[in-house]
Amino acid sequence: MKGYEIIRIACQFSENDEIAEKLTEANLSTLDDILSAKERKKLDIYLDCLNFVQDEIACEYKPLIHEEEFKIQNFKLNISALSKPLQEVISICDLKGRDEKFKVFPTYILVFANEARVRYSYKPNKATIDGDIEISLPERICAYGVAREYYLRQGLT
């Protein structure tokens, strides 16, 4: 699902139909031309709300999980070697599936193995209007969260 799809539904929930009507795949390349300054400001707020909701869901309720294999040198695995932004290490095991002891430090993970499979939760990438959303919930559920966050930021409940 794309960012604009969630925001379009959130706009409908929060009675911003004029923005919702303009948020179509065909209009994505011309949004800056067809939105007024006021609509663009609202759209930016919705996008910020989408990022907040996506982070909240992924970090608190339904973590995004990734697994990778690494060769470990000097018992250290640099966190920068992970392909996704680390939230929390769930487990580390050798390539035969046996659990390995580990300790997480700010820039590396101390691992007592030569090769390891690292399973971890990660923070989602920042959402964009035309980009894919990483959380795996129905778009209506995400849109409810975005609309609610929009209302809270506007002082409405």
N, C-alpha and C. Protein backbone atom coordinates (compact mmCIF):
# COMPACT_ATOMS: atom_id res chain seq x y z
N MET A 1 0.84 -1.17 0.00
CA MET A 1 0.00 0.00 0.00
C MET A 1 0.89 1.23 0.00
N LYS A 2 0.42 2.27 -0.60
CA LYS A 2 1.17 3.51 -0.78
C LYS A 2 0.73 4.56 0.24
N GLY A 3 1.61 5.49 0.50
CA GLY A 3 1.32 6.56 1.45
C GLY A 3 0.09 7.37 1.07
N TYR A 4 -0.04 7.71 -0.23
CA TYR A 4 -1.18 8.53 -0.64
C TYR A 4 -2.51 7.80 -0.45
N GLU A 5 -2.49 6.47 -0.55
CA GLU A 5 -3.74 5.71 -0.37
C GLU A 5 -4.24 5.83 1.08
N ILE A 6 -3.33 5.72 2.02
CA ILE A 6 -3.71 5.84 3.43
C ILE A 6 -4.14 7.27 3.73
N ILE A 7 -3.38 8.24 3.24
CA ILE A 7 -3.70 9.64 3.52
C ILE A 7 -5.03 10.02 2.87
N ARG A 8 -5.32 9.50 1.69
CA ARG A 8 -6.60 9.80 1.02
C ARG A 8 -7.77 9.34 1.91
N ILE A 9 -7.67 8.13 2.46
CA ILE A 9 -8.74 7.62 3.33
C ILE A 9 -8.82 8.44 4.61
N ALA A 10 -7.66 8.79 5.18
CA ALA A 10 -7.63 9.61 6.39
C ALA A 10 -8.27 10.98 6.13
N CYS A 11 -8.04 11.54 4.96
CA CYS A 11 -8.66 12.82 4.59
C CYS A 11 -10.18 12.68 4.52
N GLN A 12 -10.66 11.56 3.98
CA GLN A 12 -12.10 11.33 3.92
C GLN A 12 -12.68 11.19 5.33
N PHE A 13 -11.97 10.48 6.21
CA PHE A 13 -12.44 10.34 7.60
C PHE A 13 -12.52 11.68 8.31
N SER A 14 -11.60 12.57 8.01
CA SER A 14 -11.52 13.84 8.73
C SER A 14 -12.09 15.01 7.91
N GLU A 15 -12.93 14.67 6.94
CA GLU A 15 -13.70 15.65 6.17
C GLU A 15 -12.82 16.66 5.43
N ASN A 16 -11.72 16.19 4.89
CA ASN A 16 -10.89 16.99 3.99
C ASN A 16 -10.99 16.39 2.58
N ASP A 17 -12.23 16.34 2.10
CA ASP A 17 -12.52 15.69 0.82
C ASP A 17 -11.83 16.37 -0.36
N GLU A 18 -11.59 17.69 -0.26
CA GLU A 18 -10.95 18.39 -1.38
C GLU A 18 -9.53 17.87 -1.60
N ILE A 19 -8.84 17.50 -0.54
CA ILE A 19 -7.51 16.92 -0.68
C ILE A 19 -7.63 15.46 -1.13
N ALA A 20 -8.56 14.74 -0.54
CA ALA A 20 -8.76 13.32 -0.88
C ALA A 20 -9.01 13.14 -2.37
N GLU A 21 -9.81 14.01 -2.95
CA GLU A 21 -10.14 13.91 -4.39
C GLU A 21 -8.90 14.10 -5.26
N LYS A 22 -7.95 14.89 -4.80
CA LYS A 22 -6.76 15.17 -5.59
C LYS A 22 -5.66 14.13 -5.40
N LEU A 23 -5.79 13.29 -4.38
CA LEU A 23 -4.77 12.28 -4.10
C LEU A 23 -5.05 11.00 -4.89
N THR A 24 -4.71 11.03 -6.14
CA THR A 24 -4.83 9.85 -6.98
C THR A 24 -3.46 9.57 -7.59
N GLU A 25 -3.26 8.35 -8.04
CA GLU A 25 -1.97 7.99 -8.63
C GLU A 25 -1.66 8.87 -9.84
N ALA A 26 -2.68 9.22 -10.60
CA ALA A 26 -2.49 10.04 -11.79
C ALA A 26 -2.02 11.46 -11.44
N ASN A 27 -2.40 11.94 -10.27
CA ASN A 27 -2.05 13.31 -9.87
C ASN A 27 -0.75 13.43 -9.08
N LEU A 28 -0.11 12.33 -8.73
CA LEU A 28 1.04 12.40 -7.84
C LEU A 28 2.16 13.31 -8.37
N SER A 29 2.42 13.27 -9.64
CA SER A 29 3.51 14.07 -10.19
C SER A 29 3.17 15.55 -10.27
N THR A 30 1.90 15.90 -10.17
CA THR A 30 1.50 17.31 -10.28
C THR A 30 0.86 17.84 -8.99
N LEU A 31 1.05 17.17 -7.88
CA LEU A 31 0.41 17.60 -6.63
C LEU A 31 0.75 19.04 -6.26
N ASP A 32 2.01 19.42 -6.43
CA ASP A 32 2.41 20.78 -6.07
C ASP A 32 1.67 21.82 -6.91
N ASP A 33 1.29 21.45 -8.12
CA ASP A 33 0.59 22.38 -9.00
C ASP A 33 -0.91 22.45 -8.70
N ILE A 34 -1.50 21.34 -8.28
CA ILE A 34 -2.96 21.32 -8.11
C ILE A 34 -3.42 21.59 -6.69
N LEU A 35 -2.51 21.57 -5.71
CA LEU A 35 -2.88 21.85 -4.33
C LEU A 35 -2.63 23.32 -4.01
N SER A 36 -3.57 23.91 -3.29
CA SER A 36 -3.34 25.27 -2.81
C SER A 36 -2.29 25.21 -1.69
N ALA A 37 -1.78 26.34 -1.29
CA ALA A 37 -0.79 26.40 -0.21
C ALA A 37 -1.37 25.83 1.09
N LYS A 38 -2.63 26.14 1.35
CA LYS A 38 -3.30 25.64 2.56
C LYS A 38 -3.45 24.11 2.50
N GLU A 39 -3.85 23.59 1.32
CA GLU A 39 -3.99 22.14 1.15
C GLU A 39 -2.64 21.45 1.27
N ARG A 40 -1.59 22.06 0.71
CA ARG A 40 -0.25 21.47 0.79
C ARG A 40 0.21 21.38 2.24
N LYS A 41 -0.09 22.42 3.02
CA LYS A 41 0.28 22.42 4.44
C LYS A 41 -0.45 21.30 5.17
N LYS A 42 -1.73 21.13 4.87
CA LYS A 42 -2.50 20.04 5.49
C LYS A 42 -1.94 18.68 5.07
N LEU A 43 -1.60 18.54 3.80
CA LEU A 43 -1.05 17.28 3.31
C LEU A 43 0.26 16.96 4.03
N ASP A 44 1.09 17.96 4.25
CA ASP A 44 2.34 17.75 4.98
C ASP A 44 2.07 17.29 6.41
N ILE A 45 1.02 17.83 7.03
CA ILE A 45 0.64 17.40 8.38
C ILE A 45 0.18 15.94 8.35
N TYR A 46 -0.64 15.59 7.36
CA TYR A 46 -1.09 14.20 7.23
C TYR A 46 0.10 13.25 7.04
N LEU A 47 1.05 13.65 6.23
CA LEU A 47 2.23 12.81 6.01
C LEU A 47 3.03 12.65 7.29
N ASP A 48 3.16 13.72 8.06
CA ASP A 48 3.84 13.63 9.35
C ASP A 48 3.08 12.70 10.30
N CYS A 49 1.76 12.79 10.27
CA CYS A 49 0.92 11.90 11.09
C CYS A 49 1.10 10.45 10.66
N LEU A 50 1.17 10.21 9.36
CA LEU A 50 1.38 8.86 8.85
C LEU A 50 2.71 8.31 9.36
N ASN A 51 3.76 9.11 9.33
CA ASN A 51 5.05 8.66 9.84
C ASN A 51 4.98 8.35 11.33
N PHE A 52 4.28 9.19 12.08
CA PHE A 52 4.13 8.95 13.51
C PHE A 52 3.39 7.63 13.76
N VAL A 53 2.29 7.43 13.06
CA VAL A 53 1.48 6.22 13.25
C VAL A 53 2.27 4.97 12.84
N GLN A 54 2.97 5.06 11.71
CA GLN A 54 3.78 3.93 11.25
C GLN A 54 4.85 3.56 12.29
N ASP A 55 5.53 4.56 12.82
CA ASP A 55 6.56 4.30 13.85
C ASP A 55 5.94 3.72 15.11
N GLU A 56 4.81 4.28 15.52
CA GLU A 56 4.14 3.81 16.74
C GLU A 56 3.71 2.34 16.60
N ILE A 57 3.14 2.00 15.48
CA ILE A 57 2.70 0.62 15.26
C ILE A 57 3.90 -0.32 15.22
N ALA A 58 4.93 0.05 14.46
CA ALA A 58 6.09 -0.83 14.30
C ALA A 58 6.92 -0.95 15.57
N CYS A 59 6.97 0.08 16.36
CA CYS A 59 7.83 0.05 17.56
C CYS A 59 7.10 -0.44 18.80
N GLU A 60 5.78 -0.32 18.83
CA GLU A 60 5.04 -0.66 20.05
C GLU A 60 4.09 -1.84 19.93
N TYR A 61 3.51 -2.06 18.74
CA TYR A 61 2.43 -3.03 18.63
C TYR A 61 2.71 -4.20 17.69
N LYS A 62 3.22 -3.91 16.52
CA LYS A 62 3.43 -4.96 15.52
C LYS A 62 4.80 -4.74 14.88
N PRO A 63 5.85 -5.23 15.55
CA PRO A 63 7.20 -4.95 15.06
C PRO A 63 7.47 -5.53 13.68
N LEU A 64 8.31 -4.80 12.95
CA LEU A 64 8.79 -5.27 11.66
C LEU A 64 10.02 -6.12 11.94
N ILE A 65 10.04 -7.36 11.46
CA ILE A 65 11.11 -8.32 11.76
C ILE A 65 11.92 -8.60 10.50
N HIS A 66 13.23 -8.66 10.69
CA HIS A 66 14.13 -8.98 9.58
C HIS A 66 15.18 -9.95 10.10
N GLU A 67 15.68 -10.79 9.20
CA GLU A 67 16.70 -11.79 9.57
C GLU A 67 17.80 -11.78 8.51
N GLU A 68 19.06 -11.78 8.97
CA GLU A 68 20.20 -11.77 8.06
C GLU A 68 21.30 -12.66 8.62
N GLU A 69 22.17 -13.11 7.72
CA GLU A 69 23.33 -13.91 8.12
C GLU A 69 24.59 -13.07 7.94
N PHE A 70 25.52 -13.25 8.89
CA PHE A 70 26.77 -12.49 8.89
C PHE A 70 27.94 -13.39 9.25
N LYS A 71 29.11 -13.02 8.72
CA LYS A 71 30.37 -13.57 9.20
C LYS A 71 30.87 -12.59 10.25
N ILE A 72 31.20 -13.11 11.41
CA ILE A 72 31.60 -12.26 12.54
C ILE A 72 33.12 -12.24 12.63
N GLN A 73 33.68 -11.05 12.76
CA GLN A 73 35.12 -10.91 12.93
C GLN A 73 35.41 -10.29 14.29
N ASN A 74 36.35 -10.90 15.03
CA ASN A 74 36.75 -10.41 16.35
C ASN A 74 35.56 -10.29 17.30
N PHE A 75 34.58 -11.16 17.13
CA PHE A 75 33.39 -11.22 18.00
C PHE A 75 32.51 -9.98 17.91
N LYS A 76 32.73 -9.12 16.90
CA LYS A 76 31.95 -7.89 16.79
C LYS A 76 31.20 -7.85 15.46
N LEU A 77 29.94 -7.47 15.56
CA LEU A 77 29.12 -7.21 14.38
C LEU A 77 28.72 -5.74 14.46
N ASN A 78 29.22 -4.95 13.53
CA ASN A 78 28.87 -3.53 13.53
C ASN A 78 27.40 -3.36 13.20
N ILE A 79 26.73 -2.55 13.98
CA ILE A 79 25.30 -2.31 13.76
C ILE A 79 25.08 -1.69 12.38
N SER A 80 26.05 -0.93 11.90
CA SER A 80 25.92 -0.32 10.58
C SER A 80 25.90 -1.37 9.46
N ALA A 81 26.31 -2.61 9.76
CA ALA A 81 26.28 -3.68 8.75
C ALA A 81 24.87 -4.22 8.52
N LEU A 82 23.97 -3.97 9.46
CA LEU A 82 22.59 -4.43 9.30
C LEU A 82 21.93 -3.66 8.16
N SER A 83 21.10 -4.33 7.40
CA SER A 83 20.48 -3.67 6.24
C SER A 83 19.29 -2.79 6.61
N LYS A 84 18.77 -2.94 7.82
CA LYS A 84 17.63 -2.15 8.29
C LYS A 84 18.03 -1.43 9.58
N PRO A 85 17.38 -0.29 9.90
CA PRO A 85 17.70 0.43 11.14
C PRO A 85 17.24 -0.35 12.38
N LEU A 86 18.19 -0.75 13.19
CA LEU A 86 17.94 -1.62 14.34
C LEU A 86 17.03 -0.97 15.38
N GLN A 87 16.02 -1.71 15.78
CA GLN A 87 15.17 -1.34 16.92
C GLN A 87 15.56 -2.20 18.11
N GLU A 88 15.54 -3.53 17.92
CA GLU A 88 15.86 -4.46 19.01
C GLU A 88 16.31 -5.80 18.43
N VAL A 89 17.38 -6.36 19.01
CA VAL A 89 17.82 -7.70 18.61
C VAL A 89 16.90 -8.71 19.29
N ILE A 90 16.32 -9.58 18.51
CA ILE A 90 15.41 -10.60 19.05
C ILE A 90 16.20 -11.86 19.40
N SER A 91 17.04 -12.30 18.46
CA SER A 91 17.84 -13.49 18.72
C SER A 91 19.03 -13.53 17.77
N ILE A 92 20.03 -14.25 18.20
CA ILE A 92 21.18 -14.54 17.34
C ILE A 92 21.48 -16.02 17.51
N CYS A 93 21.61 -16.71 16.40
CA CYS A 93 21.92 -18.13 16.44
C CYS A 93 22.99 -18.43 15.39
N ASP A 94 23.63 -19.58 15.54
CA ASP A 94 24.60 -19.97 14.52
C ASP A 94 23.82 -20.48 13.31
N LEU A 95 24.52 -20.85 12.27
CA LEU A 95 23.84 -21.25 11.03
C LEU A 95 23.15 -22.60 11.14
N LYS A 96 23.39 -23.32 12.23
CA LYS A 96 22.69 -24.59 12.48
C LYS A 96 21.46 -24.39 13.36
N GLY A 97 21.22 -23.14 13.78
CA GLY A 97 20.03 -22.84 14.57
C GLY A 97 20.22 -22.82 16.07
N ARG A 98 21.46 -23.02 16.54
CA ARG A 98 21.70 -22.99 17.98
C ARG A 98 21.86 -21.55 18.45
N ASP A 99 21.19 -21.24 19.56
CA ASP A 99 21.26 -19.88 20.10
C ASP A 99 22.68 -19.52 20.50
N GLU A 100 23.03 -18.27 20.22
CA GLU A 100 24.34 -17.73 20.60
C GLU A 100 24.13 -16.61 21.61
N LYS A 101 25.07 -16.49 22.53
CA LYS A 101 25.03 -15.38 23.48
C LYS A 101 25.50 -14.12 22.77
N PHE A 102 24.91 -13.00 23.16
CA PHE A 102 25.28 -11.72 22.56
C PHE A 102 25.01 -10.59 23.54
N LYS A 103 25.63 -9.47 23.27
CA LYS A 103 25.38 -8.25 24.05
C LYS A 103 25.42 -7.08 23.07
N VAL A 104 24.42 -6.22 23.17
CA VAL A 104 24.30 -5.09 22.25
C VAL A 104 24.94 -3.85 22.88
N PHE A 105 25.81 -3.21 22.11
CA PHE A 105 26.44 -1.96 22.49
C PHE A 105 25.97 -0.88 21.50
N PRO A 106 26.25 0.38 21.77
CA PRO A 106 25.74 1.44 20.89
C PRO A 106 26.12 1.30 19.41
N THR A 107 27.32 0.82 19.10
CA THR A 107 27.75 0.75 17.70
C THR A 107 27.99 -0.66 17.19
N TYR A 108 27.95 -1.64 18.07
CA TYR A 108 28.20 -3.02 17.63
C TYR A 108 27.48 -4.01 18.54
N ILE A 109 27.46 -5.26 18.07
CA ILE A 109 26.89 -6.36 18.85
C ILE A 109 28.03 -7.34 19.09
N LEU A 110 28.25 -7.67 20.34
CA LEU A 110 29.25 -8.66 20.71
C LEU A 110 28.61 -10.03 20.56
N VAL A 111 29.19 -10.87 19.69
CA VAL A 111 28.62 -12.18 19.38
C VAL A 111 29.71 -13.24 19.50
N PHE A 112 29.43 -14.29 20.20
CA PHE A 112 30.41 -15.36 20.39
C PHE A 112 30.20 -16.46 19.35
N ALA A 113 30.43 -16.10 18.08
CA ALA A 113 30.30 -17.04 16.96
C ALA A 113 31.10 -16.51 15.78
N ASN A 114 31.42 -17.40 14.85
CA ASN A 114 32.12 -16.98 13.63
C ASN A 114 31.13 -16.57 12.54
N GLU A 115 30.01 -17.27 12.50
CA GLU A 115 28.93 -16.94 11.58
C GLU A 115 27.64 -16.95 12.38
N ALA A 116 26.75 -16.04 12.05
CA ALA A 116 25.52 -15.95 12.84
C ALA A 116 24.34 -15.48 12.00
N ARG A 117 23.17 -15.91 12.43
CA ARG A 117 21.91 -15.45 11.85
C ARG A 117 21.30 -14.51 12.89
N VAL A 118 21.11 -13.27 12.50
CA VAL A 118 20.60 -12.25 13.41
C VAL A 118 19.15 -11.95 13.05
N ARG A 119 18.29 -12.06 14.05
CA ARG A 119 16.86 -11.75 13.89
C ARG A 119 16.60 -10.52 14.74
N TYR A 120 16.07 -9.48 14.10
CA TYR A 120 15.88 -8.23 14.82
C TYR A 120 14.66 -7.47 14.31
N SER A 121 14.15 -6.59 15.18
CA SER A 121 13.09 -5.70 14.75
C SER A 121 13.75 -4.40 14.29
N TYR A 122 13.07 -3.73 13.37
CA TYR A 122 13.66 -2.52 12.81
C TYR A 122 12.63 -1.41 12.70
N LYS A 123 13.15 -0.20 12.60
CA LYS A 123 12.31 0.98 12.44
C LYS A 123 11.95 1.12 10.97
N PRO A 124 10.70 1.45 10.67
CA PRO A 124 10.32 1.61 9.26
C PRO A 124 10.98 2.84 8.66
N ASN A 125 11.17 2.80 7.34
CA ASN A 125 11.67 3.97 6.62
C ASN A 125 10.62 5.07 6.68
N LYS A 126 11.08 6.29 6.55
CA LYS A 126 10.16 7.42 6.56
C LYS A 126 9.20 7.30 5.38
N ALA A 127 7.93 7.45 5.67
CA ALA A 127 6.89 7.33 4.64
C ALA A 127 6.92 8.54 3.71
N THR A 128 6.61 8.28 2.45
CA THR A 128 6.45 9.34 1.46
C THR A 128 5.08 9.19 0.81
N ILE A 129 4.67 10.22 0.12
CA ILE A 129 3.35 10.18 -0.54
C ILE A 129 3.25 9.01 -1.51
N ASP A 130 4.27 8.82 -2.34
CA ASP A 130 4.20 7.79 -3.37
C ASP A 130 4.95 6.51 -3.02
N GLY A 131 5.51 6.44 -1.81
CA GLY A 131 6.27 5.26 -1.41
C GLY A 131 5.41 4.19 -0.74
N ASP A 132 5.96 2.98 -0.69
CA ASP A 132 5.27 1.87 -0.02
C ASP A 132 5.38 2.03 1.49
N ILE A 133 4.32 1.61 2.18
CA ILE A 133 4.29 1.62 3.64
C ILE A 133 4.66 0.22 4.10
N GLU A 134 5.55 0.14 5.08
CA GLU A 134 6.07 -1.17 5.49
C GLU A 134 5.18 -1.92 6.47
N ILE A 135 4.33 -1.23 7.20
CA ILE A 135 3.51 -1.93 8.18
C ILE A 135 2.44 -2.75 7.47
N SER A 136 2.14 -3.90 8.03
CA SER A 136 1.20 -4.82 7.37
C SER A 136 -0.13 -4.87 8.11
N LEU A 137 -0.84 -3.77 8.04
CA LEU A 137 -2.20 -3.68 8.56
C LEU A 137 -3.08 -3.17 7.42
N PRO A 138 -4.37 -3.43 7.48
CA PRO A 138 -5.25 -2.90 6.44
C PRO A 138 -5.15 -1.37 6.38
N GLU A 139 -5.26 -0.83 5.18
CA GLU A 139 -5.09 0.62 5.03
C GLU A 139 -6.12 1.42 5.80
N ARG A 140 -7.32 0.89 5.98
CA ARG A 140 -8.34 1.61 6.78
C ARG A 140 -7.90 1.75 8.23
N ILE A 141 -7.27 0.72 8.80
CA ILE A 141 -6.81 0.79 10.18
C ILE A 141 -5.73 1.86 10.30
N CYS A 142 -4.78 1.85 9.37
CA CYS A 142 -3.72 2.88 9.36
C CYS A 142 -4.33 4.27 9.20
N ALA A 143 -5.32 4.38 8.31
CA ALA A 143 -5.95 5.68 8.06
C ALA A 143 -6.70 6.18 9.29
N TYR A 144 -7.32 5.28 10.06
CA TYR A 144 -7.96 5.70 11.31
C TYR A 144 -6.94 6.34 12.24
N GLY A 145 -5.78 5.70 12.35
CA GLY A 145 -4.72 6.25 13.20
C GLY A 145 -4.23 7.60 12.71
N VAL A 146 -4.06 7.74 11.40
CA VAL A 146 -3.60 9.00 10.81
C VAL A 146 -4.64 10.10 11.05
N ALA A 147 -5.91 9.80 10.81
CA ALA A 147 -6.97 10.79 11.02
C ALA A 147 -7.05 11.19 12.49
N ARG A 148 -6.93 10.22 13.37
CA ARG A 148 -6.99 10.53 14.82
C ARG A 148 -5.81 11.41 15.22
N GLU A 149 -4.63 11.09 14.74
CA GLU A 149 -3.45 11.91 15.05
C GLU A 149 -3.62 13.31 14.46
N TYR A 150 -4.19 13.41 13.28
CA TYR A 150 -4.45 14.72 12.66
C TYR A 150 -5.38 15.55 13.54
N TYR A 151 -6.46 14.91 13.99
CA TYR A 151 -7.40 15.62 14.88
C TYR A 151 -6.71 16.08 16.16
N LEU A 152 -5.91 15.22 16.75
CA LEU A 152 -5.22 15.60 17.99
C LEU A 152 -4.29 16.79 17.76
N ARG A 153 -3.62 16.81 16.66
CA ARG A 153 -2.70 17.92 16.36
C ARG A 153 -3.45 19.21 16.06
N GLN A 154 -4.69 19.09 15.60
CA GLN A 154 -5.48 20.28 15.32
C GLN A 154 -6.28 20.74 16.55
N GLY A 155 -6.14 20.00 17.64
CA GLY A 155 -6.86 20.36 18.86
C GLY A 155 -8.29 19.89 18.85
N LEU A 156 -8.61 18.97 17.95
CA LEU A 156 -9.97 18.42 17.85
C LEU A 156 -9.94 17.00 18.37
N THR A 157 -11.01 16.55 18.96
CA THR A 157 -11.06 15.15 19.43
C THR A 157 -12.38 14.51 19.09
